[in-house]
Amino acid sequence: LYAKICVFKYEDLNLDGVYQEGEPTVSGVFIEIFDSTMNLLVSGNTDTEGKFCYDRLWRGTYYVQESVPTGWSTVDVVLKQVVIDERGEQINATFLNARNIDLSACKYEDVNGNGIVDSGDMPVENWRIDLFAWDDVEGWALIDSKLTGPCGCVVFENLDPYHDYKISEEGMLDEEDGWIPATGWETEVVFIH
């Protein structure tokens, strides 16, 4: 009696790591199916329905693995164990990924002191903006720093959307004399996934 393993690939739109109806399928993701001793049985890409299936399998333990596409992240493991029991039915494995994100920050000099970014305010070039990621052991860990360009902005690209981030200028404020935050503006912004 033959059984079948089907792998389903979805985009985790709400970043909760659980598939909900309505989350879109992802095609073209490379999938591998291995036997119990990790010998490759078959590989291929998910179809337009986000599915890759292989049948003609006997009862036993198998492993399915996804290759997370470039520009995506996963909250789950990329190698899952699948057991086909004596019933010999179709066994499904689901993988969820989310597209990576970009975070940007801009620094302006509030020329008229009104606390509003308006046409008279000047972008500040060469101002260091720090990016931190939350670590459950270490707390906020510095992962990147960039200097603003002529537009006064920086962009931190291709970030894992399953992490929490903080963008801060506090380190630069501590180093530069004569700068104070404009009324009503934060020197740190936290992004919770």
C-alpha atoms as a PDB file:
ATOM      1  CA  LEU A   1       0.000   0.000   0.000  1.00  0.00           C
ATOM      2  CA  TYR A   2       1.535   3.265  -1.164  1.00  0.00           C
ATOM      3  CA  ALA A   3       1.172   6.608   0.605  1.00  0.00           C
ATOM      4  CA  LYS A   4       1.840  10.189  -0.395  1.00  0.00           C
ATOM      5  CA  ILE A   5       3.602  13.174   1.177  1.00  0.00           C
ATOM      6  CA  CYS A   6       2.427  16.629   0.130  1.00  0.00           C
ATOM      7  CA  VAL A   7       4.291  19.764   1.120  1.00  0.00           C
ATOM      8  CA  PHE A   8       2.368  23.046   1.214  1.00  0.00           C
ATOM      9  CA  LYS A   9       4.054  26.439   1.171  1.00  0.00           C
ATOM     10  CA  TYR A  10       2.301  29.615   2.371  1.00  0.00           C
ATOM     11  CA  GLU A  11       3.141  33.258   3.008  1.00  0.00           C
ATOM     12  CA  ASP A  12       2.693  34.084   6.700  1.00  0.00           C
ATOM     13  CA  LEU A  13       1.035  37.479   6.254  1.00  0.00           C
ATOM     14  CA  ASN A  14       0.290  38.133   9.930  1.00  0.00           C
ATOM     15  CA  LEU A  15       3.654  36.765  11.172  1.00  0.00           C
ATOM     16  CA  ASP A  16       2.112  34.392  13.714  1.00  0.00           C
ATOM     17  CA  GLY A  17       3.757  31.210  12.364  1.00  0.00           C
ATOM     18  CA  VAL A  18       0.362  29.518  11.897  1.00  0.00           C
ATOM     19  CA  TYR A  19      -1.442  29.030   8.587  1.00  0.00           C
ATOM     20  CA  GLN A  20      -4.821  30.773   8.331  1.00  0.00           C
ATOM     21  CA  GLU A  21      -7.276  30.463   5.488  1.00  0.00           C
ATOM     22  CA  GLY A  22      -6.644  33.198   2.959  1.00  0.00           C
ATOM     23  CA  GLU A  23      -2.863  33.324   3.363  1.00  0.00           C
ATOM     24  CA  PRO A  24      -1.449  32.990  -0.163  1.00  0.00           C
ATOM     25  CA  THR A  25       0.474  30.028  -1.511  1.00  0.00           C
ATOM     26  CA  VAL A  26       4.076  30.444  -2.636  1.00  0.00           C
ATOM     27  CA  SER A  27       5.200  28.782  -5.863  1.00  0.00           C
ATOM     28  CA  GLY A  28       8.719  27.988  -6.994  1.00  0.00           C
ATOM     29  CA  VAL A  29      10.095  27.027  -3.564  1.00  0.00           C
ATOM     30  CA  PHE A  30      12.637  24.188  -3.657  1.00  0.00           C
ATOM     31  CA  ILE A  31      11.559  21.125  -1.620  1.00  0.00           C
ATOM     32  CA  GLU A  32      13.418  17.885  -0.860  1.00  0.00           C
ATOM     33  CA  ILE A  33      12.039  14.610   0.513  1.00  0.00           C
ATOM     34  CA  PHE A  34      14.434  12.197   2.271  1.00  0.00           C
ATOM     35  CA  ASP A  35      14.083   8.700   3.679  1.00  0.00           C
ATOM     36  CA  SER A  36      14.718   7.908   7.358  1.00  0.00           C
ATOM     37  CA  THR A  37      18.515   7.887   6.870  1.00  0.00           C
ATOM     38  CA  MET A  38      18.508  11.209   4.976  1.00  0.00           C
ATOM     39  CA  ASN A  39      18.952   9.710   1.504  1.00  0.00           C
ATOM     40  CA  LEU A  40      17.355  12.056  -1.018  1.00  0.00           C
ATOM     41  CA  LEU A  41      14.309  10.489  -2.668  1.00  0.00           C
ATOM     42  CA  VAL A  42      12.997  13.384  -4.723  1.00  0.00           C
ATOM     43  CA  SER A  43      13.231  17.138  -5.054  1.00  0.00           C
ATOM     44  CA  GLY A  44      11.379  19.825  -6.932  1.00  0.00           C
ATOM     45  CA  ASN A  45       9.618  23.154  -6.698  1.00  0.00           C
ATOM     46  CA  THR A  46       6.191  23.989  -5.349  1.00  0.00           C
ATOM     47  CA  ASP A  47       3.594  24.477  -8.093  1.00  0.00           C
ATOM     48  CA  THR A  48       1.236  27.427  -8.631  1.00  0.00           C
ATOM     49  CA  GLU A  49      -0.872  26.128  -5.732  1.00  0.00           C
ATOM     50  CA  GLY A  50       2.166  26.134  -3.411  1.00  0.00           C
ATOM     51  CA  LYS A  51       2.216  22.336  -3.378  1.00  0.00           C
ATOM     52  CA  PHE A  52       4.810  19.616  -4.011  1.00  0.00           C
ATOM     53  CA  CYS A  53       3.762  15.957  -3.667  1.00  0.00           C
ATOM     54  CA  TYR A  54       5.469  12.595  -3.942  1.00  0.00           C
ATOM     55  CA  ASP A  55       3.745   9.238  -3.766  1.00  0.00           C
ATOM     56  CA  ARG A  56       4.790   5.580  -3.958  1.00  0.00           C
ATOM     57  CA  LEU A  57       6.042   5.716  -0.389  1.00  0.00           C
ATOM     58  CA  TRP A  58       5.891   2.846   2.094  1.00  0.00           C
ATOM     59  CA  ARG A  59       5.101   3.044   5.768  1.00  0.00           C
ATOM     60  CA  GLY A  60       7.961   4.654   7.692  1.00  0.00           C
ATOM     61  CA  THR A  61       9.722   7.846   8.656  1.00  0.00           C
ATOM     62  CA  TYR A  62      10.619  10.530   6.111  1.00  0.00           C
ATOM     63  CA  TYR A  63      11.966  14.063   6.213  1.00  0.00           C
ATOM     64  CA  VAL A  64      10.886  17.057   4.147  1.00  0.00           C
ATOM     65  CA  GLN A  65      13.031  20.145   3.771  1.00  0.00           C
ATOM     66  CA  GLU A  66      12.439  23.536   2.251  1.00  0.00           C
ATOM     67  CA  SER A  67      15.017  25.987   0.948  1.00  0.00           C
ATOM     68  CA  VAL A  68      13.909  29.375   2.218  1.00  0.00           C
ATOM     69  CA  PRO A  69      13.815  31.705  -0.801  1.00  0.00           C
ATOM     70  CA  THR A  70      16.146  34.700  -0.949  1.00  0.00           C
ATOM     71  CA  GLY A  71      14.477  37.714   0.622  1.00  0.00           C
ATOM     72  CA  TRP A  72      12.269  35.585   2.895  1.00  0.00           C
ATOM     73  CA  SER A  73      12.547  34.337   6.494  1.00  0.00           C
ATOM     74  CA  THR A  74      10.984  31.534   8.488  1.00  0.00           C
ATOM     75  CA  VAL A  75       9.857  31.264  12.082  1.00  0.00           C
ATOM     76  CA  ASP A  76       9.765  27.467  11.869  1.00  0.00           C
ATOM     77  CA  VAL A  77      12.279  24.694  11.202  1.00  0.00           C
ATOM     78  CA  VAL A  78      13.255  24.005   7.578  1.00  0.00           C
ATOM     79  CA  LEU A  79      13.494  20.218   8.089  1.00  0.00           C
ATOM     80  CA  LYS A  80      10.411  18.348   9.321  1.00  0.00           C
ATOM     81  CA  GLN A  81       9.875  14.694  10.178  1.00  0.00           C
ATOM     82  CA  VAL A  82       6.875  12.984   8.595  1.00  0.00           C
ATOM     83  CA  VAL A  83       5.679   9.504   9.645  1.00  0.00           C
ATOM     84  CA  ILE A  84       3.521   7.325   7.415  1.00  0.00           C
ATOM     85  CA  ASP A  85       1.709   4.751   9.546  1.00  0.00           C
ATOM     86  CA  GLU A  86      -0.120   1.552   8.621  1.00  0.00           C
ATOM     87  CA  ARG A  87      -3.113   3.502   7.273  1.00  0.00           C
ATOM     88  CA  GLY A  88      -0.942   4.636   4.355  1.00  0.00           C
ATOM     89  CA  GLU A  89      -2.762   7.865   3.645  1.00  0.00           C
ATOM     90  CA  GLN A  90      -1.617  11.274   2.453  1.00  0.00           C
ATOM     91  CA  ILE A  91       0.557  13.096   4.988  1.00  0.00           C
ATOM     92  CA  ASN A  92       0.883  16.864   4.726  1.00  0.00           C
ATOM     93  CA  ALA A  93       3.734  19.127   5.822  1.00  0.00           C
ATOM     94  CA  THR A  94       3.262  22.885   5.870  1.00  0.00           C
ATOM     95  CA  PHE A  95       5.948  25.559   5.717  1.00  0.00           C
ATOM     96  CA  LEU A  96       5.293  29.247   6.365  1.00  0.00           C
ATOM     97  CA  ASN A  97       7.597  32.101   5.415  1.00  0.00           C
ATOM     98  CA  ALA A  98       7.331  35.882   5.383  1.00  0.00           C
ATOM     99  CA  ARG A  99       8.940  38.404   3.087  1.00  0.00           C
ATOM    100  CA  ASN A 100      11.833  40.301   4.624  1.00  0.00           C
ATOM    101  CA  ILE A 101      11.284  43.954   5.489  1.00  0.00           C
ATOM    102  CA  ASP A 102      13.135  47.253   5.182  1.00  0.00           C
ATOM    103  CA  LEU A 103      13.144  49.885   7.931  1.00  0.00           C
ATOM    104  CA  SER A 104      14.086  53.490   7.285  1.00  0.00           C
ATOM    105  CA  ALA A 105      14.787  56.524   9.449  1.00  0.00           C
ATOM    106  CA  CYS A 106      15.398  60.172   8.588  1.00  0.00           C
ATOM    107  CA  LYS A 107      17.082  62.954  10.549  1.00  0.00           C
ATOM    108  CA  TYR A 108      16.073  66.601  10.094  1.00  0.00           C
ATOM    109  CA  GLU A 109      17.106  69.812  11.786  1.00  0.00           C
ATOM    110  CA  ASP A 110      13.923  71.506  13.026  1.00  0.00           C
ATOM    111  CA  VAL A 111      15.030  74.954  11.852  1.00  0.00           C
ATOM    112  CA  ASN A 112      11.972  76.877  13.101  1.00  0.00           C
ATOM    113  CA  GLY A 113      11.579  74.781  16.276  1.00  0.00           C
ATOM    114  CA  ASN A 114       7.904  73.996  15.722  1.00  0.00           C
ATOM    115  CA  GLY A 115       8.270  70.202  16.189  1.00  0.00           C
ATOM    116  CA  ILE A 116       6.883  69.492  12.702  1.00  0.00           C
ATOM    117  CA  VAL A 117       8.823  68.368   9.651  1.00  0.00           C
ATOM    118  CA  ASP A 118       8.076  71.105   7.129  1.00  0.00           C
ATOM    119  CA  SER A 119       9.626  72.690   4.055  1.00  0.00           C
ATOM    120  CA  GLY A 120      12.141  74.816   5.970  1.00  0.00           C
ATOM    121  CA  ASP A 121      13.676  71.903   7.852  1.00  0.00           C
ATOM    122  CA  MET A 122      17.034  70.625   6.678  1.00  0.00           C
ATOM    123  CA  PRO A 123      18.091  66.980   6.256  1.00  0.00           C
ATOM    124  CA  VAL A 124      21.078  66.138   8.450  1.00  0.00           C
ATOM    125  CA  GLU A 125      23.862  64.285   6.622  1.00  0.00           C
ATOM    126  CA  ASN A 126      26.402  61.958   8.294  1.00  0.00           C
ATOM    127  CA  TRP A 127      24.238  61.371  11.361  1.00  0.00           C
ATOM    128  CA  ARG A 128      24.613  57.858  12.786  1.00  0.00           C
ATOM    129  CA  ILE A 129      21.436  55.835  13.184  1.00  0.00           C
ATOM    130  CA  ASP A 130      21.703  52.537  15.105  1.00  0.00           C
ATOM    131  CA  LEU A 131      19.612  49.416  14.534  1.00  0.00           C
ATOM    132  CA  PHE A 132      19.020  47.007  17.431  1.00  0.00           C
ATOM    133  CA  ALA A 133      17.288  43.605  17.454  1.00  0.00           C
ATOM    134  CA  TRP A 134      15.678  42.120  20.545  1.00  0.00           C
ATOM    135  CA  ASP A 135      17.399  39.081  22.032  1.00  0.00           C
ATOM    136  CA  ASP A 136      15.631  37.235  24.853  1.00  0.00           C
ATOM    137  CA  VAL A 137      18.959  36.737  26.665  1.00  0.00           C
ATOM    138  CA  GLU A 138      20.900  39.932  25.888  1.00  0.00           C
ATOM    139  CA  GLY A 139      18.026  42.409  25.475  1.00  0.00           C
ATOM    140  CA  TRP A 140      18.531  45.004  22.738  1.00  0.00           C
ATOM    141  CA  ALA A 141      21.608  44.020  20.694  1.00  0.00           C
ATOM    142  CA  LEU A 142      23.206  46.422  18.211  1.00  0.00           C
ATOM    143  CA  ILE A 143      23.197  44.771  14.773  1.00  0.00           C
ATOM    144  CA  ASP A 144      23.920  47.648  12.382  1.00  0.00           C
ATOM    145  CA  SER A 145      24.753  51.351  12.191  1.00  0.00           C
ATOM    146  CA  LYS A 146      24.548  53.641   9.186  1.00  0.00           C
ATOM    147  CA  LEU A 147      25.257  57.277   8.460  1.00  0.00           C
ATOM    148  CA  THR A 148      22.513  59.359   6.882  1.00  0.00           C
ATOM    149  CA  GLY A 149      23.041  60.439   3.298  1.00  0.00           C
ATOM    150  CA  PRO A 150      22.355  63.844   1.696  1.00  0.00           C
ATOM    151  CA  CYS A 151      18.607  63.214   2.066  1.00  0.00           C
ATOM    152  CA  GLY A 152      19.065  62.727   5.833  1.00  0.00           C
ATOM    153  CA  CYS A 153      17.846  59.141   5.652  1.00  0.00           C
ATOM    154  CA  VAL A 154      19.115  55.582   6.100  1.00  0.00           C
ATOM    155  CA  VAL A 155      17.532  52.262   5.110  1.00  0.00           C
ATOM    156  CA  PHE A 156      18.162  48.950   6.854  1.00  0.00           C
ATOM    157  CA  GLU A 157      17.319  46.322   4.250  1.00  0.00           C
ATOM    158  CA  ASN A 158      16.338  42.667   4.093  1.00  0.00           C
ATOM    159  CA  LEU A 159      15.480  42.253   7.796  1.00  0.00           C
ATOM    160  CA  ASP A 160      13.831  39.151   9.256  1.00  0.00           C
ATOM    161  CA  PRO A 161      10.211  40.197   9.932  1.00  0.00           C
ATOM    162  CA  TYR A 162       9.893  37.751  12.841  1.00  0.00           C
ATOM    163  CA  HIS A 163      12.245  39.856  14.989  1.00  0.00           C
ATOM    164  CA  ASP A 164      11.579  43.024  16.980  1.00  0.00           C
ATOM    165  CA  TYR A 165      13.731  46.040  16.094  1.00  0.00           C
ATOM    166  CA  LYS A 166      14.640  49.402  17.573  1.00  0.00           C
ATOM    167  CA  ILE A 167      16.023  52.336  15.578  1.00  0.00           C
ATOM    168  CA  SER A 168      17.877  54.862  17.696  1.00  0.00           C
ATOM    169  CA  GLU A 169      19.837  58.109  17.457  1.00  0.00           C
ATOM    170  CA  GLU A 170      20.571  58.242  21.183  1.00  0.00           C
ATOM    171  CA  GLY A 171      24.201  57.172  20.756  1.00  0.00           C
ATOM    172  CA  MET A 172      24.784  60.053  18.359  1.00  0.00           C
ATOM    173  CA  LEU A 173      22.999  62.546  20.643  1.00  0.00           C
ATOM    174  CA  ASP A 174      25.379  61.517  23.435  1.00  0.00           C
ATOM    175  CA  GLU A 175      28.386  62.216  21.177  1.00  0.00           C
ATOM    176  CA  GLU A 176      27.316  65.501  19.538  1.00  0.00           C
ATOM    177  CA  ASP A 177      27.066  68.744  21.533  1.00  0.00           C
ATOM    178  CA  GLY A 178      24.286  71.227  20.838  1.00  0.00           C
ATOM    179  CA  TRP A 179      21.647  68.791  19.598  1.00  0.00           C
ATOM    180  CA  ILE A 180      18.413  68.148  21.487  1.00  0.00           C
ATOM    181  CA  PRO A 181      15.306  66.269  20.330  1.00  0.00           C
ATOM    182  CA  ALA A 182      12.482  68.399  18.957  1.00  0.00           C
ATOM    183  CA  THR A 183       9.439  68.619  21.214  1.00  0.00           C
ATOM    184  CA  GLY A 184       7.162  65.629  20.729  1.00  0.00           C
ATOM    185  CA  TRP A 185       9.702  63.535  18.775  1.00  0.00           C
ATOM    186  CA  GLU A 186      11.218  60.279  19.963  1.00  0.00           C
ATOM    187  CA  THR A 187      14.930  59.464  19.790  1.00  0.00           C
ATOM    188  CA  GLU A 188      14.167  55.725  19.674  1.00  0.00           C
ATOM    189  CA  VAL A 189      11.420  53.882  17.809  1.00  0.00           C
ATOM    190  CA  VAL A 190      10.561  50.227  18.472  1.00  0.00           C
ATOM    191  CA  PHE A 191       9.014  47.946  15.825  1.00  0.00           C
ATOM    192  CA  ILE A 192       7.260  44.883  17.276  1.00  0.00           C
ATOM    193  CA  HIS A 193       6.477  42.111  14.789  1.00  0.00           C
END
